[in-house]
Amino acid sequence: MSRDAIRILLVDDHAIVLEGLRALVDGEDDMAVVGATTKGEDVLAMVGALAPEVVVLDYELGGIRATELIEPLRAMPDAPRVLVLTAYHDGETIRSVLEAGAEGLALKTASPQQTIAAIRQVVDGQLVFPQAARRWLEARGAARGGASELTGREREVWALLAEGLTNVQIAARLSLSENTVKFHVQHLFQKLGVKNRTEAALRHASPGRSGNGPSSRR
């Protein structure tokens, strides 16, 4: 494993699929599998011990769903990014993964290179979701106000949030206190009708969002 290789933990309850993923990832010069398991109950302990940068997580893990693991993963120091793999692309699956706050959702039916690309994208701070996720968000936002109700400052916060910046980083960029940024983020979520940063960032990236004026990202 090279010093700069992306450290990846693979989780899938099918051993054959897991080994296929391992072979796929290990074939990339800039990636390394630091651990693999078929058991959802082992994930948190393995993340604590192995410190992966990315957890590639099967949506269904026997009696555990990926969405049940994302929140405790988020609460860990140096929390890894999470890419959920699933064979399902129905609205309920997409909704649950979005609301849990994963950085990405990739379909098992996609090509191996698409999966590899998705891992690199989440490491780079991008959000990776199928087009169906964006359509779901647009429909949800249309029923709950929208971007046209945002203040100028909320638009600035939204743009930086969509770039993957934390509240601390946004505060530094805009010369605000962290508490002020938290206040703006809370109101941003309410006005957009979203539940977390993942949904808000996806809404910002959607070409169909309404009332989007110029931002101050540049």
N, C-alpha and C. Protein backbone atom coordinates (compact mmCIF):
# COMPACT_ATOMS: atom_id res chain seq x y z
N MET A 1 0.85 -1.20 0.00
CA MET A 1 0.00 0.00 0.00
C MET A 1 0.88 1.25 0.00
N SER A 2 0.66 2.11 -0.96
CA SER A 2 1.43 3.35 -1.00
C SER A 2 0.98 4.27 0.13
N ARG A 3 1.86 5.20 0.48
CA ARG A 3 1.59 6.07 1.63
C ARG A 3 0.32 6.89 1.43
N ASP A 4 0.04 7.29 0.19
CA ASP A 4 -1.10 8.15 -0.08
C ASP A 4 -2.33 7.40 -0.57
N ALA A 5 -2.30 6.09 -0.54
CA ALA A 5 -3.44 5.31 -1.03
C ALA A 5 -4.67 5.56 -0.17
N ILE A 6 -5.82 5.61 -0.80
CA ILE A 6 -7.09 5.79 -0.10
C ILE A 6 -7.37 4.52 0.71
N ARG A 7 -7.56 4.68 2.01
CA ARG A 7 -7.81 3.55 2.89
C ARG A 7 -9.31 3.23 2.89
N ILE A 8 -9.65 1.99 2.55
CA ILE A 8 -11.05 1.63 2.32
C ILE A 8 -11.43 0.40 3.14
N LEU A 9 -12.58 0.49 3.80
CA LEU A 9 -13.18 -0.66 4.48
C LEU A 9 -14.37 -1.12 3.66
N LEU A 10 -14.41 -2.40 3.32
CA LEU A 10 -15.49 -2.96 2.51
C LEU A 10 -16.43 -3.77 3.39
N VAL A 11 -17.74 -3.55 3.20
CA VAL A 11 -18.74 -4.26 4.01
C VAL A 11 -19.85 -4.75 3.09
N ASP A 12 -19.99 -6.07 3.00
CA ASP A 12 -21.07 -6.68 2.20
C ASP A 12 -21.36 -8.04 2.79
N ASP A 13 -22.64 -8.36 2.95
CA ASP A 13 -22.96 -9.62 3.64
C ASP A 13 -22.86 -10.84 2.73
N HIS A 14 -22.47 -10.65 1.47
CA HIS A 14 -22.22 -11.77 0.57
C HIS A 14 -20.71 -11.89 0.35
N ALA A 15 -20.15 -13.01 0.80
CA ALA A 15 -18.69 -13.17 0.75
C ALA A 15 -18.15 -13.09 -0.67
N ILE A 16 -18.89 -13.62 -1.63
CA ILE A 16 -18.42 -13.59 -3.02
C ILE A 16 -18.37 -12.16 -3.54
N VAL A 17 -19.41 -11.38 -3.23
CA VAL A 17 -19.43 -9.97 -3.63
C VAL A 17 -18.28 -9.22 -2.96
N LEU A 18 -18.06 -9.53 -1.69
CA LEU A 18 -17.00 -8.87 -0.94
C LEU A 18 -15.64 -9.12 -1.57
N GLU A 19 -15.39 -10.35 -1.95
CA GLU A 19 -14.10 -10.66 -2.56
C GLU A 19 -13.96 -10.00 -3.93
N GLY A 20 -15.08 -9.88 -4.65
CA GLY A 20 -15.04 -9.18 -5.93
C GLY A 20 -14.71 -7.71 -5.75
N LEU A 21 -15.30 -7.10 -4.72
CA LEU A 21 -15.00 -5.70 -4.42
C LEU A 21 -13.53 -5.53 -4.02
N ARG A 22 -13.04 -6.47 -3.22
CA ARG A 22 -11.64 -6.39 -2.79
C ARG A 22 -10.70 -6.45 -3.99
N ALA A 23 -10.96 -7.38 -4.90
CA ALA A 23 -10.10 -7.50 -6.08
C ALA A 23 -10.17 -6.25 -6.94
N LEU A 24 -11.38 -5.68 -7.04
CA LEU A 24 -11.57 -4.46 -7.83
C LEU A 24 -10.77 -3.30 -7.25
N VAL A 25 -10.93 -3.08 -5.94
CA VAL A 25 -10.26 -1.95 -5.29
C VAL A 25 -8.75 -2.15 -5.25
N ASP A 26 -8.30 -3.35 -4.93
CA ASP A 26 -6.87 -3.61 -4.84
C ASP A 26 -6.17 -3.49 -6.19
N GLY A 27 -6.96 -3.51 -7.26
CA GLY A 27 -6.38 -3.34 -8.59
C GLY A 27 -6.06 -1.90 -8.94
N GLU A 28 -6.43 -0.97 -8.05
CA GLU A 28 -6.19 0.46 -8.29
C GLU A 28 -4.96 0.91 -7.51
N ASP A 29 -4.07 1.61 -8.18
CA ASP A 29 -2.81 2.03 -7.55
C ASP A 29 -3.01 3.00 -6.39
N ASP A 30 -4.12 3.78 -6.44
CA ASP A 30 -4.32 4.80 -5.41
C ASP A 30 -5.30 4.37 -4.33
N MET A 31 -5.59 3.07 -4.25
CA MET A 31 -6.53 2.57 -3.26
C MET A 31 -5.98 1.33 -2.56
N ALA A 32 -6.41 1.13 -1.33
CA ALA A 32 -6.00 -0.05 -0.59
C ALA A 32 -7.12 -0.48 0.35
N VAL A 33 -7.42 -1.76 0.35
CA VAL A 33 -8.41 -2.31 1.28
C VAL A 33 -7.71 -2.57 2.62
N VAL A 34 -8.16 -1.84 3.65
CA VAL A 34 -7.55 -2.04 4.98
C VAL A 34 -8.36 -3.02 5.82
N GLY A 35 -9.54 -3.38 5.36
CA GLY A 35 -10.36 -4.33 6.09
C GLY A 35 -11.60 -4.67 5.30
N ALA A 36 -12.20 -5.82 5.61
CA ALA A 36 -13.42 -6.25 4.94
C ALA A 36 -14.20 -7.15 5.88
N THR A 37 -15.52 -7.03 5.83
CA THR A 37 -16.35 -7.86 6.70
C THR A 37 -17.72 -8.10 6.07
N THR A 38 -18.31 -9.22 6.43
CA THR A 38 -19.68 -9.51 6.01
C THR A 38 -20.67 -9.18 7.13
N LYS A 39 -20.17 -8.70 8.26
CA LYS A 39 -21.03 -8.50 9.43
C LYS A 39 -21.19 -7.02 9.77
N GLY A 40 -22.41 -6.54 9.72
CA GLY A 40 -22.68 -5.14 10.04
C GLY A 40 -22.32 -4.77 11.45
N GLU A 41 -22.45 -5.73 12.37
CA GLU A 41 -22.17 -5.43 13.78
C GLU A 41 -20.68 -5.21 14.04
N ASP A 42 -19.82 -5.56 13.09
CA ASP A 42 -18.38 -5.38 13.27
C ASP A 42 -17.88 -4.04 12.74
N VAL A 43 -18.73 -3.30 12.04
CA VAL A 43 -18.27 -2.13 11.29
C VAL A 43 -17.67 -1.05 12.20
N LEU A 44 -18.37 -0.67 13.26
CA LEU A 44 -17.91 0.43 14.09
C LEU A 44 -16.56 0.12 14.74
N ALA A 45 -16.42 -1.09 15.23
CA ALA A 45 -15.15 -1.47 15.85
C ALA A 45 -14.02 -1.48 14.83
N MET A 46 -14.31 -1.94 13.62
CA MET A 46 -13.27 -1.99 12.59
C MET A 46 -12.87 -0.58 12.15
N VAL A 47 -13.84 0.32 12.07
CA VAL A 47 -13.51 1.70 11.71
C VAL A 47 -12.62 2.32 12.79
N GLY A 48 -12.95 2.07 14.07
CA GLY A 48 -12.14 2.59 15.15
C GLY A 48 -10.72 2.06 15.13
N ALA A 49 -10.56 0.80 14.74
CA ALA A 49 -9.23 0.17 14.75
C ALA A 49 -8.42 0.46 13.50
N LEU A 50 -9.10 0.59 12.35
CA LEU A 50 -8.39 0.67 11.07
C LEU A 50 -8.34 2.07 10.46
N ALA A 51 -9.18 2.97 10.95
CA ALA A 51 -9.20 4.36 10.48
C ALA A 51 -9.29 4.47 8.96
N PRO A 52 -10.29 3.86 8.32
CA PRO A 52 -10.43 4.02 6.87
C PRO A 52 -10.90 5.42 6.52
N GLU A 53 -10.56 5.86 5.31
CA GLU A 53 -11.07 7.13 4.81
C GLU A 53 -12.48 6.97 4.24
N VAL A 54 -12.75 5.78 3.71
CA VAL A 54 -14.05 5.50 3.09
C VAL A 54 -14.55 4.15 3.55
N VAL A 55 -15.84 4.08 3.88
CA VAL A 55 -16.50 2.80 4.12
C VAL A 55 -17.46 2.55 2.97
N VAL A 56 -17.23 1.48 2.23
CA VAL A 56 -18.14 1.07 1.16
C VAL A 56 -19.09 0.06 1.79
N LEU A 57 -20.35 0.47 1.92
CA LEU A 57 -21.28 -0.21 2.80
C LEU A 57 -22.48 -0.75 2.03
N ASP A 58 -22.69 -2.06 2.09
CA ASP A 58 -23.88 -2.65 1.47
C ASP A 58 -25.12 -2.13 2.19
N TYR A 59 -26.18 -1.87 1.43
CA TYR A 59 -27.41 -1.33 2.03
C TYR A 59 -28.06 -2.34 2.96
N GLU A 60 -28.09 -3.61 2.56
CA GLU A 60 -28.69 -4.67 3.38
C GLU A 60 -27.59 -5.56 3.93
N LEU A 61 -27.49 -5.62 5.26
CA LEU A 61 -26.47 -6.44 5.91
C LEU A 61 -27.14 -7.42 6.86
N GLY A 62 -27.82 -8.39 6.29
CA GLY A 62 -28.56 -9.31 7.13
C GLY A 62 -29.68 -8.57 7.83
N GLY A 63 -29.62 -8.51 9.15
CA GLY A 63 -30.66 -7.80 9.91
C GLY A 63 -30.35 -6.34 10.14
N ILE A 64 -29.26 -5.84 9.57
CA ILE A 64 -28.86 -4.44 9.77
C ILE A 64 -28.86 -3.72 8.43
N ARG A 65 -29.40 -2.51 8.43
CA ARG A 65 -29.33 -1.68 7.23
C ARG A 65 -28.22 -0.65 7.36
N ALA A 66 -27.67 -0.27 6.23
CA ALA A 66 -26.59 0.72 6.23
C ALA A 66 -27.00 1.99 6.96
N THR A 67 -28.25 2.37 6.81
CA THR A 67 -28.72 3.62 7.43
C THR A 67 -28.62 3.59 8.95
N GLU A 68 -28.63 2.41 9.56
CA GLU A 68 -28.50 2.30 11.01
C GLU A 68 -27.07 2.53 11.48
N LEU A 69 -26.12 2.42 10.56
CA LEU A 69 -24.71 2.56 10.91
C LEU A 69 -24.16 3.95 10.61
N ILE A 70 -24.83 4.69 9.73
CA ILE A 70 -24.27 5.96 9.29
C ILE A 70 -24.19 6.97 10.42
N GLU A 71 -25.25 7.09 11.23
CA GLU A 71 -25.23 8.08 12.31
C GLU A 71 -24.11 7.81 13.32
N PRO A 72 -23.96 6.58 13.82
CA PRO A 72 -22.82 6.34 14.73
C PRO A 72 -21.47 6.51 14.06
N LEU A 73 -21.38 6.25 12.77
CA LEU A 73 -20.13 6.51 12.06
C LEU A 73 -19.84 8.00 12.03
N ARG A 74 -20.88 8.80 11.82
CA ARG A 74 -20.74 10.26 11.79
C ARG A 74 -20.22 10.81 13.11
N ALA A 75 -20.59 10.14 14.20
CA ALA A 75 -20.22 10.63 15.53
C ALA A 75 -18.80 10.27 15.94
N MET A 76 -18.12 9.46 15.14
CA MET A 76 -16.77 9.02 15.49
C MET A 76 -15.74 10.10 15.17
N PRO A 77 -14.66 10.15 15.95
CA PRO A 77 -13.56 11.06 15.59
C PRO A 77 -13.01 10.68 14.21
N ASP A 78 -12.67 11.68 13.40
CA ASP A 78 -12.18 11.41 12.04
C ASP A 78 -13.12 10.48 11.29
N ALA A 79 -14.38 10.84 11.32
CA ALA A 79 -15.41 9.99 10.70
C ALA A 79 -15.11 9.75 9.22
N PRO A 80 -15.23 8.51 8.76
CA PRO A 80 -14.98 8.23 7.35
C PRO A 80 -16.15 8.68 6.48
N ARG A 81 -15.89 8.82 5.21
CA ARG A 81 -16.97 9.06 4.26
C ARG A 81 -17.63 7.73 3.97
N VAL A 82 -18.92 7.77 3.65
CA VAL A 82 -19.68 6.54 3.46
C VAL A 82 -20.27 6.50 2.06
N LEU A 83 -19.97 5.43 1.34
CA LEU A 83 -20.58 5.16 0.04
C LEU A 83 -21.42 3.90 0.19
N VAL A 84 -22.73 4.04 0.01
CA VAL A 84 -23.65 2.91 0.15
C VAL A 84 -23.82 2.25 -1.21
N LEU A 85 -23.68 0.93 -1.24
CA LEU A 85 -23.94 0.15 -2.44
C LEU A 85 -25.26 -0.57 -2.30
N THR A 86 -26.07 -0.52 -3.32
CA THR A 86 -27.38 -1.17 -3.24
C THR A 86 -27.83 -1.68 -4.59
N ALA A 87 -28.65 -2.72 -4.56
CA ALA A 87 -29.27 -3.23 -5.78
C ALA A 87 -30.61 -2.55 -6.01
N TYR A 88 -31.05 -1.75 -5.02
CA TYR A 88 -32.36 -1.11 -5.10
C TYR A 88 -32.22 0.34 -5.55
N HIS A 89 -33.15 0.80 -6.36
CA HIS A 89 -33.15 2.22 -6.74
C HIS A 89 -34.55 2.81 -6.60
N ASP A 90 -35.32 2.25 -5.66
CA ASP A 90 -36.66 2.77 -5.40
C ASP A 90 -36.57 4.02 -4.52
N GLY A 91 -37.66 4.76 -4.47
CA GLY A 91 -37.69 6.01 -3.73
C GLY A 91 -37.40 5.86 -2.26
N GLU A 92 -37.88 4.77 -1.65
CA GLU A 92 -37.68 4.58 -0.21
C GLU A 92 -36.21 4.37 0.13
N THR A 93 -35.51 3.58 -0.69
CA THR A 93 -34.08 3.36 -0.46
C THR A 93 -33.31 4.65 -0.60
N ILE A 94 -33.57 5.37 -1.68
CA ILE A 94 -32.89 6.64 -1.92
C ILE A 94 -33.16 7.60 -0.77
N ARG A 95 -34.42 7.71 -0.36
CA ARG A 95 -34.79 8.63 0.71
C ARG A 95 -34.04 8.29 2.00
N SER A 96 -34.01 7.02 2.35
CA SER A 96 -33.40 6.64 3.62
C SER A 96 -31.90 6.91 3.63
N VAL A 97 -31.23 6.68 2.50
CA VAL A 97 -29.79 6.92 2.43
C VAL A 97 -29.49 8.42 2.47
N LEU A 98 -30.29 9.19 1.75
CA LEU A 98 -30.12 10.64 1.77
C LEU A 98 -30.32 11.20 3.16
N GLU A 99 -31.39 10.79 3.81
CA GLU A 99 -31.71 11.34 5.13
C GLU A 99 -30.72 10.88 6.20
N ALA A 100 -30.10 9.72 5.99
CA ALA A 100 -29.09 9.26 6.94
C ALA A 100 -27.81 10.08 6.82
N GLY A 101 -27.57 10.67 5.64
CA GLY A 101 -26.42 11.55 5.47
C GLY A 101 -25.20 10.92 4.84
N ALA A 102 -25.37 9.84 4.08
CA ALA A 102 -24.22 9.25 3.38
C ALA A 102 -23.71 10.21 2.31
N GLU A 103 -22.42 10.10 2.01
CA GLU A 103 -21.85 10.94 0.95
C GLU A 103 -22.21 10.43 -0.44
N GLY A 104 -22.59 9.15 -0.53
CA GLY A 104 -22.87 8.63 -1.85
C GLY A 104 -23.73 7.39 -1.83
N LEU A 105 -24.39 7.17 -2.94
CA LEU A 105 -25.18 5.96 -3.17
C LEU A 105 -24.84 5.48 -4.58
N ALA A 106 -24.35 4.25 -4.69
CA ALA A 106 -24.01 3.68 -5.99
C ALA A 106 -24.78 2.37 -6.18
N LEU A 107 -25.18 2.14 -7.40
CA LEU A 107 -25.94 0.94 -7.70
C LEU A 107 -25.02 -0.23 -8.01
N LYS A 108 -25.37 -1.40 -7.50
CA LYS A 108 -24.57 -2.59 -7.76
C LYS A 108 -24.62 -2.99 -9.24
N THR A 109 -25.63 -2.50 -9.93
CA THR A 109 -25.75 -2.80 -11.35
C THR A 109 -24.84 -1.92 -12.20
N ALA A 110 -24.22 -0.91 -11.60
CA ALA A 110 -23.31 -0.03 -12.34
C ALA A 110 -22.03 -0.77 -12.68
N SER A 111 -21.26 -0.23 -13.60
CA SER A 111 -20.01 -0.87 -14.02
C SER A 111 -18.98 -0.76 -12.89
N PRO A 112 -18.00 -1.67 -12.88
CA PRO A 112 -16.94 -1.59 -11.86
C PRO A 112 -16.25 -0.24 -11.85
N GLN A 113 -15.99 0.34 -13.01
CA GLN A 113 -15.30 1.62 -13.06
C GLN A 113 -16.16 2.75 -12.49
N GLN A 114 -17.48 2.63 -12.59
CA GLN A 114 -18.34 3.63 -11.97
C GLN A 114 -18.23 3.57 -10.45
N THR A 115 -18.11 2.35 -9.91
CA THR A 115 -17.94 2.19 -8.46
C THR A 115 -16.61 2.79 -8.01
N ILE A 116 -15.56 2.52 -8.76
CA ILE A 116 -14.25 3.09 -8.44
C ILE A 116 -14.29 4.61 -8.50
N ALA A 117 -14.94 5.13 -9.54
CA ALA A 117 -15.06 6.58 -9.67
C ALA A 117 -15.84 7.18 -8.51
N ALA A 118 -16.88 6.48 -8.05
CA ALA A 118 -17.69 6.97 -6.94
C ALA A 118 -16.85 7.05 -5.66
N ILE A 119 -15.97 6.09 -5.43
CA ILE A 119 -15.11 6.13 -4.25
C ILE A 119 -14.20 7.36 -4.31
N ARG A 120 -13.60 7.59 -5.45
CA ARG A 120 -12.71 8.76 -5.59
C ARG A 120 -13.49 10.06 -5.39
N GLN A 121 -14.71 10.10 -5.89
CA GLN A 121 -15.50 11.32 -5.77
C GLN A 121 -15.86 11.64 -4.33
N VAL A 122 -16.26 10.63 -3.55
CA VAL A 122 -16.60 10.92 -2.16
C VAL A 122 -15.37 11.32 -1.36
N VAL A 123 -14.21 10.76 -1.70
CA VAL A 123 -12.97 11.17 -1.03
C VAL A 123 -12.67 12.63 -1.33
N ASP A 124 -12.99 13.06 -2.56
CA ASP A 124 -12.75 14.45 -2.96
C ASP A 124 -13.79 15.42 -2.43
N GLY A 125 -14.75 14.90 -1.65
CA GLY A 125 -15.77 15.77 -1.07
C GLY A 125 -17.00 15.95 -1.93
N GLN A 126 -17.09 15.18 -3.01
CA GLN A 126 -18.27 15.27 -3.86
C GLN A 126 -19.37 14.36 -3.34
N LEU A 127 -20.59 14.65 -3.74
CA LEU A 127 -21.73 13.80 -3.41
C LEU A 127 -22.11 12.99 -4.64
N VAL A 128 -22.30 11.70 -4.44
CA VAL A 128 -22.54 10.78 -5.56
C VAL A 128 -23.88 10.09 -5.37
N PHE A 129 -24.84 10.45 -6.23
CA PHE A 129 -26.16 9.83 -6.16
C PHE A 129 -26.72 9.68 -7.56
N PRO A 130 -27.54 8.65 -7.79
CA PRO A 130 -28.16 8.50 -9.10
C PRO A 130 -29.14 9.64 -9.37
N GLN A 131 -29.47 9.84 -10.63
CA GLN A 131 -30.35 10.93 -11.01
C GLN A 131 -31.70 10.85 -10.30
N ALA A 132 -32.14 9.64 -9.99
CA ALA A 132 -33.42 9.47 -9.30
C ALA A 132 -33.43 10.18 -7.95
N ALA A 133 -32.26 10.26 -7.30
CA ALA A 133 -32.18 10.96 -6.01
C ALA A 133 -32.41 12.45 -6.19
N ARG A 134 -31.88 13.02 -7.24
CA ARG A 134 -32.06 14.44 -7.50
C ARG A 134 -33.53 14.75 -7.81
N ARG A 135 -34.17 13.87 -8.57
CA ARG A 135 -35.60 14.09 -8.88
C ARG A 135 -36.43 14.04 -7.61
N TRP A 136 -36.10 13.11 -6.70
CA TRP A 136 -36.84 13.01 -5.44
C TRP A 136 -36.67 14.28 -4.62
N LEU A 137 -35.45 14.80 -4.57
CA LEU A 137 -35.20 16.01 -3.81
C LEU A 137 -35.92 17.22 -4.41
N GLU A 138 -35.92 17.33 -5.73
CA GLU A 138 -36.60 18.45 -6.38
C GLU A 138 -38.10 18.41 -6.07
N ALA A 139 -38.69 17.22 -6.12
CA ALA A 139 -40.12 17.10 -5.83
C ALA A 139 -40.41 17.46 -4.39
N ARG A 140 -39.53 17.02 -3.49
CA ARG A 140 -39.71 17.32 -2.07
C ARG A 140 -39.57 18.82 -1.81
N GLY A 141 -38.56 19.43 -2.45
CA GLY A 141 -38.34 20.85 -2.24
C GLY A 141 -39.48 21.69 -2.80
N ALA A 142 -40.08 21.25 -3.91
CA ALA A 142 -41.17 22.00 -4.52
C ALA A 142 -42.38 22.06 -3.59
N ALA A 143 -42.51 21.03 -2.75
CA ALA A 143 -43.64 20.99 -1.81
C ALA A 143 -43.35 21.74 -0.51
N ARG A 144 -42.09 22.22 -0.33
CA ARG A 144 -41.70 22.83 0.93
C ARG A 144 -40.98 24.15 0.70
N GLY A 145 -41.66 25.12 0.10
CA GLY A 145 -40.99 26.41 -0.10
C GLY A 145 -39.92 26.28 -1.15
N GLY A 146 -38.69 26.70 -0.84
CA GLY A 146 -37.62 26.52 -1.80
C GLY A 146 -36.57 27.60 -1.69
N ALA A 147 -35.66 27.59 -2.66
CA ALA A 147 -34.52 28.50 -2.64
C ALA A 147 -34.93 29.96 -2.75
N SER A 148 -36.08 30.23 -3.32
CA SER A 148 -36.51 31.62 -3.50
C SER A 148 -36.72 32.33 -2.16
N GLU A 149 -36.88 31.56 -1.07
CA GLU A 149 -37.10 32.15 0.24
C GLU A 149 -35.81 32.43 1.01
N LEU A 150 -34.66 32.06 0.45
CA LEU A 150 -33.40 32.21 1.18
C LEU A 150 -32.92 33.66 1.18
N THR A 151 -32.28 34.03 2.29
CA THR A 151 -31.63 35.33 2.36
C THR A 151 -30.29 35.25 1.63
N GLY A 152 -29.68 36.40 1.42
CA GLY A 152 -28.37 36.42 0.77
C GLY A 152 -27.33 35.65 1.55
N ARG A 153 -27.33 35.83 2.87
CA ARG A 153 -26.36 35.12 3.71
C ARG A 153 -26.60 33.62 3.66
N GLU A 154 -27.87 33.21 3.67
CA GLU A 154 -28.18 31.78 3.61
C GLU A 154 -27.71 31.19 2.29
N ARG A 155 -27.79 31.96 1.21
CA ARG A 155 -27.28 31.48 -0.07
C ARG A 155 -25.76 31.29 -0.04
N GLU A 156 -25.07 32.20 0.64
CA GLU A 156 -23.62 32.08 0.78
C GLU A 156 -23.27 30.81 1.56
N VAL A 157 -23.97 30.60 2.66
CA VAL A 157 -23.73 29.41 3.48
C VAL A 157 -24.04 28.15 2.68
N TRP A 158 -25.13 28.18 1.94
CA TRP A 158 -25.55 27.03 1.12
C TRP A 158 -24.48 26.67 0.10
N ALA A 159 -23.94 27.68 -0.58
CA ALA A 159 -22.92 27.43 -1.60
C ALA A 159 -21.67 26.80 -1.00
N LEU A 160 -21.24 27.28 0.16
CA LEU A 160 -20.04 26.73 0.80
C LEU A 160 -20.30 25.35 1.36
N LEU A 161 -21.49 25.15 1.91
CA LEU A 161 -21.88 23.83 2.39
C LEU A 161 -21.84 22.82 1.24
N ALA A 162 -22.31 23.25 0.07
CA ALA A 162 -22.33 22.37 -1.11
C ALA A 162 -20.93 22.01 -1.58
N GLU A 163 -19.94 22.85 -1.24
CA GLU A 163 -18.55 22.56 -1.58
C GLU A 163 -17.93 21.56 -0.62
N GLY A 164 -18.67 21.20 0.44
CA GLY A 164 -18.17 20.23 1.41
C GLY A 164 -17.52 20.84 2.63
N LEU A 165 -17.64 22.16 2.82
CA LEU A 165 -17.02 22.81 3.97
C LEU A 165 -17.80 22.53 5.24
N THR A 166 -17.09 22.42 6.36
CA THR A 166 -17.71 22.26 7.66
C THR A 166 -18.20 23.61 8.16
N ASN A 167 -18.98 23.60 9.26
CA ASN A 167 -19.43 24.86 9.84
C ASN A 167 -18.24 25.74 10.26
N VAL A 168 -17.21 25.12 10.80
CA VAL A 168 -16.03 25.88 11.22
C VAL A 168 -15.37 26.54 10.02
N GLN A 169 -15.25 25.80 8.92
CA GLN A 169 -14.63 26.35 7.72
C GLN A 169 -15.48 27.45 7.09
N ILE A 170 -16.81 27.26 7.11
CA ILE A 170 -17.71 28.29 6.58
C ILE A 170 -17.59 29.56 7.42
N ALA A 171 -17.54 29.38 8.73
CA ALA A 171 -17.41 30.54 9.63
C ALA A 171 -16.15 31.33 9.32
N ALA A 172 -15.04 30.62 9.10
CA ALA A 172 -13.78 31.29 8.79
C ALA A 172 -13.86 32.00 7.44
N ARG A 173 -14.47 31.36 6.46
CA ARG A 173 -14.56 31.94 5.12
C ARG A 173 -15.41 33.21 5.11
N LEU A 174 -16.49 33.22 5.90
CA LEU A 174 -17.43 34.35 5.88
C LEU A 174 -17.21 35.31 7.06
N SER A 175 -16.19 35.04 7.87
CA SER A 175 -15.90 35.88 9.04
C SER A 175 -17.10 35.94 9.98
N LEU A 176 -17.66 34.79 10.27
CA LEU A 176 -18.79 34.67 11.19
C LEU A 176 -18.40 33.75 12.33
N SER A 177 -19.19 33.76 13.39
CA SER A 177 -18.97 32.78 14.46
C SER A 177 -19.57 31.45 14.04
N GLU A 178 -19.07 30.38 14.65
CA GLU A 178 -19.62 29.06 14.33
C GLU A 178 -21.09 28.97 14.71
N ASN A 179 -21.48 29.58 15.82
CA ASN A 179 -22.88 29.57 16.23
C ASN A 179 -23.77 30.27 15.21
N THR A 180 -23.27 31.35 14.63
CA THR A 180 -24.04 32.05 13.61
C THR A 180 -24.23 31.17 12.38
N VAL A 181 -23.18 30.47 12.01
CA VAL A 181 -23.30 29.56 10.87
C VAL A 181 -24.31 28.46 11.16
N LYS A 182 -24.28 27.92 12.38
CA LYS A 182 -25.25 26.88 12.75
C LYS A 182 -26.67 27.41 12.63
N PHE A 183 -26.87 28.63 13.04
CA PHE A 183 -28.18 29.27 12.93
C PHE A 183 -28.62 29.34 11.47
N HIS A 184 -27.74 29.78 10.60
CA HIS A 184 -28.08 29.89 9.18
C HIS A 184 -28.34 28.52 8.56
N VAL A 185 -27.55 27.54 8.95
CA VAL A 185 -27.73 26.19 8.41
C VAL A 185 -29.09 25.63 8.82
N GLN A 186 -29.47 25.85 10.07
CA GLN A 186 -30.77 25.37 10.55
C GLN A 186 -31.91 25.97 9.74
N HIS A 187 -31.86 27.28 9.51
CA HIS A 187 -32.91 27.93 8.74
C HIS A 187 -32.87 27.51 7.27
N LEU A 188 -31.67 27.28 6.77
CA LEU A 188 -31.51 26.81 5.40
C LEU A 188 -32.22 25.47 5.21
N PHE A 189 -32.00 24.55 6.12
CA PHE A 189 -32.64 23.25 6.04
C PHE A 189 -34.16 23.38 6.06
N GLN A 190 -34.66 24.23 6.95
CA GLN A 190 -36.11 24.40 7.07
C GLN A 190 -36.72 24.94 5.78
N LYS A 191 -36.07 25.94 5.21
CA LYS A 191 -36.62 26.57 4.01
C LYS A 191 -36.54 25.66 2.78
N LEU A 192 -35.48 24.87 2.70
CA LEU A 192 -35.31 23.98 1.55
C LEU A 192 -36.11 22.69 1.71
N GLY A 193 -36.55 22.40 2.93
CA GLY A 193 -37.26 21.16 3.16
C GLY A 193 -36.35 19.95 3.15
N VAL A 194 -35.09 20.13 3.63
CA VAL A 194 -34.14 19.03 3.69
C VAL A 194 -33.80 18.74 5.14
N LYS A 195 -33.18 17.58 5.37
CA LYS A 195 -32.91 17.16 6.73
C LYS A 195 -31.43 17.17 7.11
N ASN A 196 -30.55 17.28 6.12
CA ASN A 196 -29.13 17.24 6.45
C ASN A 196 -28.30 17.88 5.36
N ARG A 197 -26.98 17.90 5.55
CA ARG A 197 -26.06 18.57 4.63
C ARG A 197 -26.03 17.89 3.27
N THR A 198 -26.17 16.57 3.28
CA THR A 198 -26.16 15.83 2.02
C THR A 198 -27.29 16.28 1.12
N GLU A 199 -28.50 16.35 1.67
CA GLU A 199 -29.65 16.76 0.89
C GLU A 199 -29.49 18.20 0.42
N ALA A 200 -29.02 19.07 1.31
CA ALA A 200 -28.86 20.48 0.95
C ALA A 200 -27.86 20.64 -0.18
N ALA A 201 -26.75 19.91 -0.11
CA ALA A 201 -25.74 20.01 -1.16
C ALA A 201 -26.25 19.47 -2.49
N LEU A 202 -27.01 18.40 -2.45
CA LEU A 202 -27.58 17.86 -3.68
C LEU A 202 -28.58 18.83 -4.30
N ARG A 203 -29.37 19.49 -3.46
CA ARG A 203 -30.29 20.50 -3.97
C ARG A 203 -29.54 21.63 -4.65
N HIS A 204 -28.40 22.02 -4.08
CA HIS A 204 -27.62 23.11 -4.66
C HIS A 204 -27.07 22.70 -6.02
N ALA A 205 -26.70 21.42 -6.15
CA ALA A 205 -26.12 20.94 -7.40
C ALA A 205 -27.16 20.70 -8.47
N SER A 206 -28.44 20.67 -8.09
CA SER A 206 -29.50 20.35 -9.04
C SER A 206 -29.79 21.52 -9.96
N PRO A 207 -29.76 21.30 -11.30
CA PRO A 207 -30.05 22.40 -12.22
C PRO A 207 -31.49 22.87 -12.14
N GLY A 208 -32.36 22.09 -11.50
CA GLY A 208 -33.76 22.45 -11.45
C GLY A 208 -34.15 23.26 -10.23
N ARG A 209 -33.18 23.65 -9.39
CA ARG A 209 -33.55 24.39 -8.18
C ARG A 209 -34.06 25.77 -8.58
N SER A 210 -35.02 26.27 -7.80
CA SER A 210 -35.66 27.52 -8.16
C SER A 210 -35.09 28.67 -7.39
N GLY A 211 -35.17 29.86 -7.94
CA GLY A 211 -34.80 31.06 -7.23
C GLY A 211 -33.32 31.17 -6.92
N ASN A 212 -32.46 30.57 -7.74
CA ASN A 212 -31.05 30.54 -7.43
C ASN A 212 -30.35 31.72 -8.06
N GLY A 213 -29.97 32.68 -7.26
CA GLY A 213 -29.23 33.82 -7.76
C GLY A 213 -27.75 33.56 -7.67
N PRO A 214 -26.93 34.55 -7.99
CA PRO A 214 -25.49 34.35 -7.91
C PRO A 214 -25.03 34.14 -6.48
N SER A 215 -24.04 33.31 -6.31
CA SER A 215 -23.50 33.04 -4.98
C SER A 215 -22.16 33.71 -4.86
N SER A 216 -21.59 33.64 -3.66
CA SER A 216 -20.31 34.30 -3.42
C SER A 216 -19.18 33.30 -3.29
N ARG A 217 -19.29 32.16 -3.95
CA ARG A 217 -18.25 31.15 -3.80
C ARG A 217 -16.95 31.60 -4.44
N ARG A 218 -17.02 32.41 -5.45
CA ARG A 218 -15.80 32.82 -6.16
C ARG A 218 -15.36 34.17 -5.67
